[in-house]
C-alpha atoms as a PDB file:
ATOM      1  CA  MET A   1       0.000   0.000   0.000  1.00  0.00           C
ATOM      2  CA  ILE A   2       1.291   3.471  -0.913  1.00  0.00           C
ATOM      3  CA  VAL A   3       0.796   6.063   1.844  1.00  0.00           C
ATOM      4  CA  ASP A   4       2.094   9.627   2.147  1.00  0.00           C
ATOM      5  CA  ARG A   5       3.305  11.437   5.286  1.00  0.00           C
ATOM      6  CA  GLN A   6      -0.211  12.701   6.018  1.00  0.00           C
ATOM      7  CA  GLY A   7      -1.556   9.156   5.985  1.00  0.00           C
ATOM      8  CA  ARG A   8      -3.339   9.605   2.674  1.00  0.00           C
ATOM      9  CA  ARG A   9      -3.647   6.784   0.175  1.00  0.00           C
ATOM     10  CA  PHE A  10      -5.626   6.145  -2.958  1.00  0.00           C
ATOM     11  CA  ARG A  11      -8.937   4.374  -2.315  1.00  0.00           C
ATOM     12  CA  ASN A  12     -11.298   6.037  -4.784  1.00  0.00           C
ATOM     13  CA  LEU A  13     -10.699   5.798  -8.506  1.00  0.00           C
ATOM     14  CA  ARG A  14     -12.579   8.073 -10.888  1.00  0.00           C
ATOM     15  CA  ILE A  15     -12.213   6.924 -14.446  1.00  0.00           C
ATOM     16  CA  SER A  16     -13.150   9.123 -17.377  1.00  0.00           C
ATOM     17  CA  LEU A  17     -14.596   6.677 -19.864  1.00  0.00           C
ATOM     18  CA  THR A  18     -14.561   9.299 -22.629  1.00  0.00           C
ATOM     19  CA  SER A  19     -13.957  13.008 -23.041  1.00  0.00           C
ATOM     20  CA  ALA A  20     -17.013  13.233 -25.319  1.00  0.00           C
ATOM     21  CA  CYS A  21     -20.089  15.012 -23.976  1.00  0.00           C
ATOM     22  CA  ASN A  22     -23.490  15.929 -25.358  1.00  0.00           C
ATOM     23  CA  TYR A  23     -23.515  19.157 -23.300  1.00  0.00           C
ATOM     24  CA  ALA A  24     -21.220  22.192 -23.336  1.00  0.00           C
ATOM     25  CA  CYS A  25     -21.819  23.671 -19.868  1.00  0.00           C
ATOM     26  CA  THR A  26     -20.682  27.258 -19.418  1.00  0.00           C
ATOM     27  CA  TYR A  27     -18.452  26.549 -16.401  1.00  0.00           C
ATOM     28  CA  CYS A  28     -16.758  23.631 -18.166  1.00  0.00           C
ATOM     29  CA  VAL A  29     -16.523  24.609 -21.833  1.00  0.00           C
ATOM     30  CA  PRO A  30     -16.162  28.383 -22.263  1.00  0.00           C
ATOM     31  CA  ASN A  31     -16.188  28.274 -26.063  1.00  0.00           C
ATOM     32  CA  GLY A  32     -19.495  26.414 -26.171  1.00  0.00           C
ATOM     33  CA  LYS A  33     -18.245  23.663 -28.488  1.00  0.00           C
ATOM     34  CA  ARG A  34     -19.646  20.165 -27.990  1.00  0.00           C
ATOM     35  CA  LEU A  35     -16.892  17.765 -26.910  1.00  0.00           C
ATOM     36  CA  VAL A  36     -15.916  14.729 -28.940  1.00  0.00           C
ATOM     37  CA  ALA A  37     -13.921  11.645 -28.030  1.00  0.00           C
ATOM     38  CA  ALA A  38     -10.154  12.012 -28.217  1.00  0.00           C
ATOM     39  CA  GLN A  39      -8.517  10.080 -31.049  1.00  0.00           C
ATOM     40  CA  ASP A  40      -6.160   8.299 -28.673  1.00  0.00           C
ATOM     41  CA  GLU A  41      -8.693   7.107 -26.098  1.00  0.00           C
ATOM     42  CA  LEU A  42      -8.078   3.730 -24.483  1.00  0.00           C
ATOM     43  CA  SER A  43     -10.210   0.733 -25.348  1.00  0.00           C
ATOM     44  CA  ALA A  44     -12.720  -0.641 -22.864  1.00  0.00           C
ATOM     45  CA  GLU A  45     -10.457  -3.658 -22.335  1.00  0.00           C
ATOM     46  CA  ALA A  46      -7.395  -1.501 -21.594  1.00  0.00           C
ATOM     47  CA  MET A  47      -9.368   0.636 -19.161  1.00  0.00           C
ATOM     48  CA  ALA A  48     -10.634  -2.446 -17.361  1.00  0.00           C
ATOM     49  CA  ARG A  49      -7.065  -3.759 -17.050  1.00  0.00           C
ATOM     50  CA  GLY A  50      -6.136  -0.338 -15.661  1.00  0.00           C
ATOM     51  CA  VAL A  51      -8.749  -0.708 -12.952  1.00  0.00           C
ATOM     52  CA  ALA A  52      -7.580  -4.240 -12.138  1.00  0.00           C
ATOM     53  CA  TYR A  53      -3.938  -3.151 -11.918  1.00  0.00           C
ATOM     54  CA  LEU A  54      -4.828  -0.149  -9.724  1.00  0.00           C
ATOM     55  CA  ILE A  55      -6.827  -2.335  -7.374  1.00  0.00           C
ATOM     56  CA  GLU A  56      -3.710  -4.421  -6.829  1.00  0.00           C
ATOM     57  CA  ALA A  57      -1.081  -1.676  -6.935  1.00  0.00           C
ATOM     58  CA  ALA A  58      -2.864   1.006  -4.909  1.00  0.00           C
ATOM     59  CA  GLY A  59      -5.608  -0.732  -2.956  1.00  0.00           C
ATOM     60  CA  ILE A  60      -8.440   0.929  -4.878  1.00  0.00           C
ATOM     61  CA  ASP A  61     -11.791  -0.323  -3.596  1.00  0.00           C
ATOM     62  CA  ARG A  62     -14.304   2.209  -4.962  1.00  0.00           C
ATOM     63  CA  LEU A  63     -14.882   3.215  -8.558  1.00  0.00           C
ATOM     64  CA  ARG A  64     -16.819   6.096 -10.069  1.00  0.00           C
ATOM     65  CA  ILE A  65     -17.364   6.149 -13.827  1.00  0.00           C
ATOM     66  CA  THR A  66     -17.337   9.654 -15.291  1.00  0.00           C
ATOM     67  CA  GLY A  67     -16.717  11.444 -18.593  1.00  0.00           C
ATOM     68  CA  GLY A  68     -17.182  13.716 -20.466  1.00  0.00           C
ATOM     69  CA  GLU A  69     -20.541  11.966 -20.400  1.00  0.00           C
ATOM     70  CA  PRO A  70     -20.104   8.221 -19.861  1.00  0.00           C
ATOM     71  CA  LEU A  71     -23.505   7.267 -21.244  1.00  0.00           C
ATOM     72  CA  VAL A  72     -22.519   8.438 -24.747  1.00  0.00           C
ATOM     73  CA  SER A  73     -19.565   6.057 -24.865  1.00  0.00           C
ATOM     74  CA  PRO A  74     -19.839   2.837 -26.896  1.00  0.00           C
ATOM     75  CA  LYS A  75     -17.343   1.350 -24.426  1.00  0.00           C
ATOM     76  CA  LEU A  76     -19.778   1.547 -21.494  1.00  0.00           C
ATOM     77  CA  GLU A  77     -21.296  -1.944 -21.610  1.00  0.00           C
ATOM     78  CA  THR A  78     -18.023  -3.830 -22.137  1.00  0.00           C
ATOM     79  CA  PHE A  79     -16.242  -1.824 -19.466  1.00  0.00           C
ATOM     80  CA  MET A  80     -18.999  -2.220 -16.884  1.00  0.00           C
ATOM     81  CA  GLN A  81     -19.257  -5.948 -17.438  1.00  0.00           C
ATOM     82  CA  ALA A  82     -15.529  -6.272 -16.785  1.00  0.00           C
ATOM     83  CA  VAL A  83     -15.248  -4.104 -13.657  1.00  0.00           C
ATOM     84  CA  GLY A  84     -18.377  -5.659 -12.192  1.00  0.00           C
ATOM     85  CA  GLN A  85     -16.389  -8.877 -11.718  1.00  0.00           C
ATOM     86  CA  MET A  86     -13.505  -7.259  -9.801  1.00  0.00           C
ATOM     87  CA  GLY A  87     -14.912  -7.329  -6.268  1.00  0.00           C
ATOM     88  CA  LEU A  88     -14.987  -3.562  -5.720  1.00  0.00           C
ATOM     89  CA  SER A  89     -16.971  -2.442  -2.687  1.00  0.00           C
ATOM     90  CA  ASP A  90     -18.778   0.247  -4.693  1.00  0.00           C
ATOM     91  CA  ILE A  91     -19.248   1.173  -8.358  1.00  0.00           C
ATOM     92  CA  SER A  92     -21.122   4.371  -9.148  1.00  0.00           C
ATOM     93  CA  LEU A  93     -21.579   6.669 -12.100  1.00  0.00           C
ATOM     94  CA  THR A  94     -21.891  10.404 -12.746  1.00  0.00           C
ATOM     95  CA  THR A  95     -24.072  11.492 -15.653  1.00  0.00           C
ATOM     96  CA  ASN A  96     -25.904  14.519 -16.953  1.00  0.00           C
ATOM     97  CA  GLY A  97     -28.970  12.277 -17.200  1.00  0.00           C
ATOM     98  CA  GLN A  98     -29.863  13.016 -20.814  1.00  0.00           C
ATOM     99  CA  LEU A  99     -29.543   9.350 -21.835  1.00  0.00           C
ATOM    100  CA  LEU A 100     -30.402   7.893 -18.434  1.00  0.00           C
ATOM    101  CA  ALA A 101     -33.790   6.407 -19.309  1.00  0.00           C
ATOM    102  CA  ARG A 102     -32.369   4.834 -22.484  1.00  0.00           C
ATOM    103  CA  LYS A 103     -29.385   3.302 -20.690  1.00  0.00           C
ATOM    104  CA  LEU A 104     -31.186   2.335 -17.489  1.00  0.00           C
ATOM    105  CA  PRO A 105     -31.566  -1.398 -18.298  1.00  0.00           C
ATOM    106  CA  LEU A 106     -27.815  -1.607 -18.894  1.00  0.00           C
ATOM    107  CA  LEU A 107     -27.037   0.138 -15.601  1.00  0.00           C
ATOM    108  CA  VAL A 108     -29.424  -2.072 -13.633  1.00  0.00           C
ATOM    109  CA  ASP A 109     -28.077  -5.256 -15.224  1.00  0.00           C
ATOM    110  CA  ALA A 110     -24.511  -4.144 -14.443  1.00  0.00           C
ATOM    111  CA  GLY A 111     -25.387  -3.757 -10.756  1.00  0.00           C
ATOM    112  CA  ILE A 112     -25.193   0.038 -10.548  1.00  0.00           C
ATOM    113  CA  ARG A 113     -27.123   1.067  -7.453  1.00  0.00           C
ATOM    114  CA  ARG A 114     -25.907   4.625  -7.054  1.00  0.00           C
ATOM    115  CA  ILE A 115     -25.637   7.510  -9.510  1.00  0.00           C
ATOM    116  CA  ASN A 116     -24.977  11.237  -9.412  1.00  0.00           C
ATOM    117  CA  VAL A 117     -26.884  13.415 -11.868  1.00  0.00           C
ATOM    118  CA  SER A 118     -25.491  16.825 -12.757  1.00  0.00           C
ATOM    119  CA  LEU A 119     -28.404  19.273 -12.773  1.00  0.00           C
ATOM    120  CA  ASP A 120     -28.061  23.016 -12.255  1.00  0.00           C
ATOM    121  CA  THR A 121     -31.629  24.292 -12.597  1.00  0.00           C
ATOM    122  CA  LEU A 122     -35.288  23.317 -12.882  1.00  0.00           C
ATOM    123  CA  ASP A 123     -35.989  26.196 -15.244  1.00  0.00           C
ATOM    124  CA  ALA A 124     -36.050  24.880 -18.819  1.00  0.00           C
ATOM    125  CA  ASP A 125     -34.747  28.107 -20.372  1.00  0.00           C
ATOM    126  CA  ALA A 126     -31.955  28.481 -17.826  1.00  0.00           C
ATOM    127  CA  PHE A 127     -31.126  24.783 -18.348  1.00  0.00           C
ATOM    128  CA  ARG A 128     -30.558  25.345 -22.055  1.00  0.00           C
ATOM    129  CA  GLY A 129     -28.515  28.465 -21.302  1.00  0.00           C
ATOM    130  CA  ILE A 130     -26.150  26.677 -18.904  1.00  0.00           C
ATOM    131  CA  ALA A 131     -25.918  23.213 -20.503  1.00  0.00           C
ATOM    132  CA  ARG A 132     -26.115  24.440 -24.105  1.00  0.00           C
ATOM    133  CA  GLY A 133     -27.639  21.095 -24.988  1.00  0.00           C
ATOM    134  CA  GLY A 134     -30.167  18.517 -23.885  1.00  0.00           C
ATOM    135  CA  ASP A 135     -33.712  18.699 -22.575  1.00  0.00           C
ATOM    136  CA  LEU A 136     -34.700  19.192 -18.931  1.00  0.00           C
ATOM    137  CA  ALA A 137     -37.871  17.098 -19.049  1.00  0.00           C
ATOM    138  CA  THR A 138     -35.928  14.129 -20.427  1.00  0.00           C
ATOM    139  CA  VAL A 139     -33.446  14.333 -17.546  1.00  0.00           C
ATOM    140  CA  LEU A 140     -36.158  14.528 -14.880  1.00  0.00           C
ATOM    141  CA  ASP A 141     -38.012  11.576 -16.412  1.00  0.00           C
ATOM    142  CA  GLY A 142     -34.805   9.540 -16.455  1.00  0.00           C
ATOM    143  CA  MET A 143     -34.244  10.279 -12.785  1.00  0.00           C
ATOM    144  CA  ASP A 144     -37.781   9.201 -11.915  1.00  0.00           C
ATOM    145  CA  GLN A 145     -37.303   5.947 -13.810  1.00  0.00           C
ATOM    146  CA  ALA A 146     -33.970   5.309 -12.090  1.00  0.00           C
ATOM    147  CA  ARG A 147     -35.506   5.908  -8.672  1.00  0.00           C
ATOM    148  CA  ALA A 148     -38.344   3.485  -9.507  1.00  0.00           C
ATOM    149  CA  ALA A 149     -35.693   0.907 -10.466  1.00  0.00           C
ATOM    150  CA  GLY A 150     -34.170   1.160  -6.996  1.00  0.00           C
ATOM    151  CA  ILE A 151     -31.146   3.305  -7.842  1.00  0.00           C
ATOM    152  CA  LYS A 152     -30.067   5.824  -5.203  1.00  0.00           C
ATOM    153  CA  ILE A 153     -29.703   9.298  -6.683  1.00  0.00           C
ATOM    154  CA  LYS A 154     -27.625  12.292  -5.718  1.00  0.00           C
ATOM    155  CA  VAL A 155     -27.987  15.510  -7.667  1.00  0.00           C
ATOM    156  CA  ASN A 156     -24.952  17.724  -8.302  1.00  0.00           C
ATOM    157  CA  MET A 157     -25.599  21.455  -8.675  1.00  0.00           C
ATOM    158  CA  VAL A 158     -22.986  24.130  -9.321  1.00  0.00           C
ATOM    159  CA  PRO A 159     -24.511  27.401  -8.005  1.00  0.00           C
ATOM    160  CA  LEU A 160     -23.472  30.358 -10.135  1.00  0.00           C
ATOM    161  CA  ARG A 161     -24.112  33.963  -9.255  1.00  0.00           C
ATOM    162  CA  GLY A 162     -26.087  35.609 -12.034  1.00  0.00           C
ATOM    163  CA  GLN A 163     -27.146  32.318 -13.619  1.00  0.00           C
ATOM    164  CA  ASN A 164     -28.932  29.912 -11.288  1.00  0.00           C
ATOM    165  CA  LEU A 165     -28.737  31.187  -7.707  1.00  0.00           C
ATOM    166  CA  ASP A 166     -32.519  31.550  -7.729  1.00  0.00           C
ATOM    167  CA  GLN A 167     -32.731  27.786  -8.276  1.00  0.00           C
ATOM    168  CA  VAL A 168     -31.060  26.769  -5.007  1.00  0.00           C
ATOM    169  CA  MET A 169     -34.315  26.451  -3.078  1.00  0.00           C
ATOM    170  CA  PRO A 170     -36.516  25.055  -5.886  1.00  0.00           C
ATOM    171  CA  LEU A 171     -33.961  22.340  -6.598  1.00  0.00           C
ATOM    172  CA  LEU A 172     -33.510  21.557  -2.904  1.00  0.00           C
ATOM    173  CA  GLU A 173     -37.273  21.238  -2.371  1.00  0.00           C
ATOM    174  CA  TYR A 174     -37.545  19.071  -5.479  1.00  0.00           C
ATOM    175  CA  CYS A 175     -34.848  16.709  -4.220  1.00  0.00           C
ATOM    176  CA  LEU A 176     -36.184  16.532  -0.670  1.00  0.00           C
ATOM    177  CA  ALA A 177     -39.631  15.609  -1.983  1.00  0.00           C
ATOM    178  CA  ARG A 178     -38.205  12.702  -4.007  1.00  0.00           C
ATOM    179  CA  GLY A 179     -35.565  11.381  -1.647  1.00  0.00           C
ATOM    180  CA  TYR A 180     -32.642  12.609  -3.744  1.00  0.00           C
ATOM    181  CA  GLU A 181     -29.659  14.060  -1.878  1.00  0.00           C
ATOM    182  CA  LEU A 182     -28.666  17.392  -3.381  1.00  0.00           C
ATOM    183  CA  ARG A 183     -24.973  18.263  -3.483  1.00  0.00           C
ATOM    184  CA  PHE A 184     -24.023  21.873  -4.075  1.00  0.00           C
ATOM    185  CA  ILE A 185     -20.552  22.116  -5.624  1.00  0.00           C
ATOM    186  CA  GLU A 186     -18.591  25.301  -5.152  1.00  0.00           C
ATOM    187  CA  LEU A 187     -17.155  26.575  -8.407  1.00  0.00           C
ATOM    188  CA  MET A 188     -13.550  25.439  -8.826  1.00  0.00           C
ATOM    189  CA  ARG A 189     -10.555  27.422 -10.079  1.00  0.00           C
ATOM    190  CA  MET A 190      -9.853  25.054 -12.938  1.00  0.00           C
ATOM    191  CA  GLY A 191      -9.110  25.442 -16.624  1.00  0.00           C
ATOM    192  CA  HIS A 192     -10.082  28.892 -17.876  1.00  0.00           C
ATOM    193  CA  LEU A 193     -11.232  29.917 -14.374  1.00  0.00           C
ATOM    194  CA  ALA A 194      -7.763  29.270 -12.912  1.00  0.00           C
ATOM    195  CA  SER A 195      -6.328  32.091 -14.993  1.00  0.00           C
ATOM    196  CA  ASP A 196      -9.309  34.472 -14.864  1.00  0.00           C
ATOM    197  CA  SER A 197      -9.906  35.502 -11.255  1.00  0.00           C
ATOM    198  CA  ASN A 198     -12.522  38.067 -12.210  1.00  0.00           C
ATOM    199  CA  ALA A 199     -14.669  35.492 -14.014  1.00  0.00           C
ATOM    200  CA  PHE A 200     -14.329  33.134 -11.062  1.00  0.00           C
ATOM    201  CA  LEU A 201     -15.254  35.712  -8.418  1.00  0.00           C
ATOM    202  CA  GLN A 202     -18.177  37.046 -10.434  1.00  0.00           C
ATOM    203  CA  GLN A 203     -19.789  33.594 -10.413  1.00  0.00           C
ATOM    204  CA  PHE A 204     -18.568  32.013  -7.166  1.00  0.00           C
ATOM    205  CA  VAL A 205     -21.109  31.149  -4.439  1.00  0.00           C
ATOM    206  CA  SER A 206     -19.681  30.111  -1.071  1.00  0.00           C
ATOM    207  CA  LEU A 207     -20.772  27.583   1.525  1.00  0.00           C
ATOM    208  CA  GLN A 208     -21.870  30.358   3.886  1.00  0.00           C
ATOM    209  CA  GLN A 209     -23.976  32.015   1.199  1.00  0.00           C
ATOM    210  CA  LEU A 210     -25.712  28.720   0.475  1.00  0.00           C
ATOM    211  CA  LEU A 211     -26.355  27.986   4.139  1.00  0.00           C
ATOM    212  CA  SER A 212     -27.755  31.477   4.608  1.00  0.00           C
ATOM    213  CA  LEU A 213     -30.192  30.952   1.732  1.00  0.00           C
ATOM    214  CA  ILE A 214     -31.283  27.550   3.010  1.00  0.00           C
ATOM    215  CA  GLY A 215     -31.469  28.761   6.613  1.00  0.00           C
ATOM    216  CA  ASP A 216     -34.151  31.260   5.641  1.00  0.00           C
ATOM    217  CA  HIS A 217     -36.422  28.306   4.819  1.00  0.00           C
ATOM    218  CA  HIS A 218     -35.273  25.324   6.868  1.00  0.00           C
ATOM    219  CA  GLU A 219     -33.570  24.446  10.110  1.00  0.00           C
ATOM    220  CA  TYR A 220     -30.655  22.103   9.492  1.00  0.00           C
ATOM    221  CA  LEU A 221     -28.031  20.192  11.470  1.00  0.00           C
ATOM    222  CA  GLN A 222     -24.580  19.103  10.380  1.00  0.00           C
ATOM    223  CA  ALA A 223     -24.563  15.365   9.745  1.00  0.00           C
ATOM    224  CA  ASP A 224     -21.857  12.734   9.852  1.00  0.00           C
ATOM    225  CA  ALA A 225     -19.809  11.987   6.754  1.00  0.00           C
ATOM    226  CA  PRO A 226     -16.926   9.587   5.987  1.00  0.00           C
ATOM    227  CA  VAL A 227     -13.440  10.815   6.908  1.00  0.00           C
ATOM    228  CA  ASP A 228     -12.407  11.158   3.266  1.00  0.00           C
ATOM    229  CA  ALA A 229     -15.702  12.682   2.100  1.00  0.00           C
ATOM    230  CA  THR A 230     -15.547  15.747  -0.118  1.00  0.00           C
ATOM    231  CA  ALA A 231     -18.902  17.113   1.063  1.00  0.00           C
ATOM    232  CA  VAL A 232     -19.912  18.812   4.276  1.00  0.00           C
ATOM    233  CA  ARG A 233     -23.245  17.111   4.922  1.00  0.00           C
ATOM    234  CA  TYR A 234     -26.390  18.486   6.551  1.00  0.00           C
ATOM    235  CA  GLU A 235     -29.752  17.083   7.660  1.00  0.00           C
ATOM    236  CA  ILE A 236     -33.083  18.846   7.504  1.00  0.00           C
ATOM    237  CA  PRO A 237     -34.870  16.856  10.241  1.00  0.00           C
ATOM    238  CA  GLY A 238     -37.779  14.833   8.979  1.00  0.00           C
ATOM    239  CA  GLN A 239     -37.148  15.748   5.340  1.00  0.00           C
ATOM    240  CA  GLY A 240     -33.737  14.592   4.175  1.00  0.00           C
ATOM    241  CA  PHE A 241     -30.128  15.550   3.585  1.00  0.00           C
ATOM    242  CA  PHE A 242     -28.075  17.891   1.453  1.00  0.00           C
ATOM    243  CA  GLY A 243     -24.353  18.508   1.160  1.00  0.00           C
ATOM    244  CA  VAL A 244     -21.890  21.135   0.013  1.00  0.00           C
ATOM    245  CA  ILE A 245     -18.633  20.225  -1.701  1.00  0.00           C
ATOM    246  CA  ALA A 246     -16.954  23.336  -0.346  1.00  0.00           C
ATOM    247  CA  ASN A 247     -13.627  23.162  -2.097  1.00  0.00           C
ATOM    248  CA  GLU A 248     -12.856  26.834  -1.424  1.00  0.00           C
ATOM    249  CA  SER A 249     -14.625  27.346   1.917  1.00  0.00           C
ATOM    250  CA  VAL A 250     -13.757  24.081   3.685  1.00  0.00           C
ATOM    251  CA  PRO A 251     -10.833  22.432   1.856  1.00  0.00           C
ATOM    252  CA  PHE A 252     -10.648  18.645   2.071  1.00  0.00           C
ATOM    253  CA  CYS A 253      -7.161  18.093   0.674  1.00  0.00           C
ATOM    254  CA  ARG A 254      -5.794  16.695   3.963  1.00  0.00           C
ATOM    255  CA  THR A 255      -8.004  13.610   3.663  1.00  0.00           C
ATOM    256  CA  CYS A 256      -8.328  13.237  -0.110  1.00  0.00           C
ATOM    257  CA  SER A 257      -8.212   9.617  -1.295  1.00  0.00           C
ATOM    258  CA  ARG A 258      -9.052  10.216  -4.951  1.00  0.00           C
ATOM    259  CA  LEU A 259      -7.131   9.152  -8.027  1.00  0.00           C
ATOM    260  CA  ARG A 260      -8.241   9.900 -11.581  1.00  0.00           C
ATOM    261  CA  LEU A 261      -7.541   8.030 -14.799  1.00  0.00           C
ATOM    262  CA  SER A 262      -8.298   9.878 -18.032  1.00  0.00           C
ATOM    263  CA  SER A 263      -9.737   8.260 -21.117  1.00  0.00           C
ATOM    264  CA  THR A 264      -6.357   8.720 -22.813  1.00  0.00           C
ATOM    265  CA  GLY A 265      -4.373   6.881 -20.128  1.00  0.00           C
ATOM    266  CA  TRP A 266      -3.111   9.636 -17.824  1.00  0.00           C
ATOM    267  CA  LEU A 267      -3.164   9.381 -14.029  1.00  0.00           C
ATOM    268  CA  HIS A 268      -4.015  12.561 -12.122  1.00  0.00           C
ATOM    269  CA  GLY A 269      -3.314  12.493  -8.394  1.00  0.00           C
ATOM    270  CA  CYS A 270      -4.634  15.997  -7.743  1.00  0.00           C
ATOM    271  CA  LEU A 271      -6.942  18.406  -9.550  1.00  0.00           C
ATOM    272  CA  SER A 272      -4.827  21.295  -8.281  1.00  0.00           C
ATOM    273  CA  SER A 273      -1.693  20.007  -9.975  1.00  0.00           C
ATOM    274  CA  SER A 274      -0.850  20.156 -13.659  1.00  0.00           C
ATOM    275  CA  ASN A 275       1.267  17.016 -13.207  1.00  0.00           C
ATOM    276  CA  ARG A 276       0.035  13.857 -14.847  1.00  0.00           C
ATOM    277  CA  HIS A 277       1.534  10.431 -15.354  1.00  0.00           C
ATOM    278  CA  TYR A 278       1.076   8.296 -18.457  1.00  0.00           C
ATOM    279  CA  VAL A 279       0.104   4.677 -17.840  1.00  0.00           C
ATOM    280  CA  GLY A 280      -1.499   3.836 -21.183  1.00  0.00           C
ATOM    281  CA  ASP A 281       1.571   1.955 -22.354  1.00  0.00           C
ATOM    282  CA  LEU A 282       1.598  -0.160 -19.185  1.00  0.00           C
ATOM    283  CA  LEU A 283      -1.906  -1.481 -19.724  1.00  0.00           C
ATOM    284  CA  ASP A 284      -0.860  -3.739 -22.588  1.00  0.00           C
ATOM    285  CA  LYS A 285       1.920  -5.303 -20.528  1.00  0.00           C
ATOM    286  CA  PRO A 286       1.582  -8.429 -18.406  1.00  0.00           C
ATOM    287  CA  ARG A 287       0.925  -7.962 -14.712  1.00  0.00           C
ATOM    288  CA  HIS A 288       4.463  -8.748 -13.521  1.00  0.00           C
ATOM    289  CA  GLN A 289       5.891  -6.011 -15.741  1.00  0.00           C
ATOM    290  CA  ALA A 290       3.132  -3.443 -15.324  1.00  0.00           C
ATOM    291  CA  LEU A 291       2.709  -3.411 -11.541  1.00  0.00           C
ATOM    292  CA  PRO A 292       6.225  -2.300 -10.468  1.00  0.00           C
ATOM    293  CA  ALA A 293       6.222   0.553 -12.984  1.00  0.00           C
ATOM    294  CA  LEU A 294       2.691   1.515 -12.027  1.00  0.00           C
ATOM    295  CA  GLN A 295       3.573   1.647  -8.334  1.00  0.00           C
ATOM    296  CA  ARG A 296       6.427   4.042  -9.069  1.00  0.00           C
ATOM    297  CA  LEU A 297       4.050   6.351 -10.901  1.00  0.00           C
ATOM    298  CA  LEU A 298       1.514   6.116  -8.073  1.00  0.00           C
ATOM    299  CA  VAL A 299       4.129   7.365  -5.615  1.00  0.00           C
ATOM    300  CA  LYS A 300       4.602  10.415  -7.840  1.00  0.00           C
ATOM    301  CA  ALA A 301       0.845  10.918  -8.239  1.00  0.00           C
ATOM    302  CA  LEU A 302       0.302  10.788  -4.479  1.00  0.00           C
ATOM    303  CA  GLY A 303       3.082  13.342  -4.077  1.00  0.00           C
ATOM    304  CA  ASP A 304       1.130  15.723  -6.332  1.00  0.00           C
ATOM    305  CA  LYS A 305      -1.599  16.191  -3.722  1.00  0.00           C
ATOM    306  CA  GLN A 306      -1.838  19.563  -1.978  1.00  0.00           C
ATOM    307  CA  GLU A 307      -0.831  19.737   1.681  1.00  0.00           C
ATOM    308  CA  VAL A 308      -3.781  21.808   2.871  1.00  0.00           C
ATOM    309  CA  ALA A 309      -6.035  23.338   0.246  1.00  0.00           C
ATOM    310  CA  PHE A 310      -6.788  23.438  -3.464  1.00  0.00           C
ATOM    311  CA  SER A 311      -4.928  26.321  -5.053  1.00  0.00           C
ATOM    312  CA  GLY A 312      -6.291  26.121  -8.599  1.00  0.00           C
ATOM    313  CA  GLY A 313      -5.036  24.307 -11.641  1.00  0.00           C
ATOM    314  CA  ALA A 314      -4.831  24.560 -15.408  1.00  0.00           C
ATOM    315  CA  THR A 315      -6.234  21.053 -15.864  1.00  0.00           C
ATOM    316  CA  VAL A 316      -9.599  21.201 -17.614  1.00  0.00           C
ATOM    317  CA  MET A 317     -12.308  19.281 -15.757  1.00  0.00           C
ATOM    318  CA  LYS A 318     -13.891  18.039 -18.991  1.00  0.00           C
ATOM    319  CA  ILE A 319     -10.795  15.889 -19.610  1.00  0.00           C
ATOM    320  CA  ILE A 320     -10.869  13.961 -16.347  1.00  0.00           C
ATOM    321  CA  GLY A 321     -14.474  14.046 -15.187  1.00  0.00           C
ATOM    322  CA  GLY A 322     -15.830  15.158 -11.819  1.00  0.00           C
END
């Protein structure tokens, strides 16, 4: 097991199945262009070997499948069938929900019991303005079908001043009524926002601002969360839970256990670091050759993590998922 001086190790792997996406969200893609798959993306088989090798080399026990948008990838079924046989304690998926109803039988058959749906507003016009693609009603219907199929749903919202701050309470009430746990995600200084402080500050909404808004309508209590959780979690007694991934307000770097593998074969140990480590060439090698080299790269990736707090990074989130 690889552990750093703060006792951190990699437990959670987030794998970007593809960089392609059927949305072009304003906070992710400033130029508004729909994303397509990279020409050098790994095959489903190579990605599955990557997961197997990382389970053995790093002690990974939880996997989240991300994108881009994973449900647009033709690799999804083959990849999920493979990783479902690896004995992981948890496999989950993050999606924008546009294809959720269509892909639901595949997800259920693959044993997915937990998904996160990225949804920033319940206003159809605002939805189109932020996502620059998709249809709100289709997403909401997909979520309802997933809930009926027994899948636990969390909703991810990025509150943005001037765009969807008026949707904080409507979306919270919507989620509470349906048993979804809403996660507010503070805007991150990544990609174009890392180099444009004015754009970041003009849109940023803090943990305290969110709690003030919610506190005008509900009493809430802080709830327990796992040691390596990214979210500060709260309970509204008798109604449900919500959380805030408060990257700026309450940094969680000291306990971060996340490792990311891009669709093109790069390991990212930290979102706040521009360092990355190529493992694509190792995934075609036999285990006895791949594992020692992979462990050396994992030591470097763990060393990329910030000591205390996220300081911003040029890495673009669309490349490595959430």
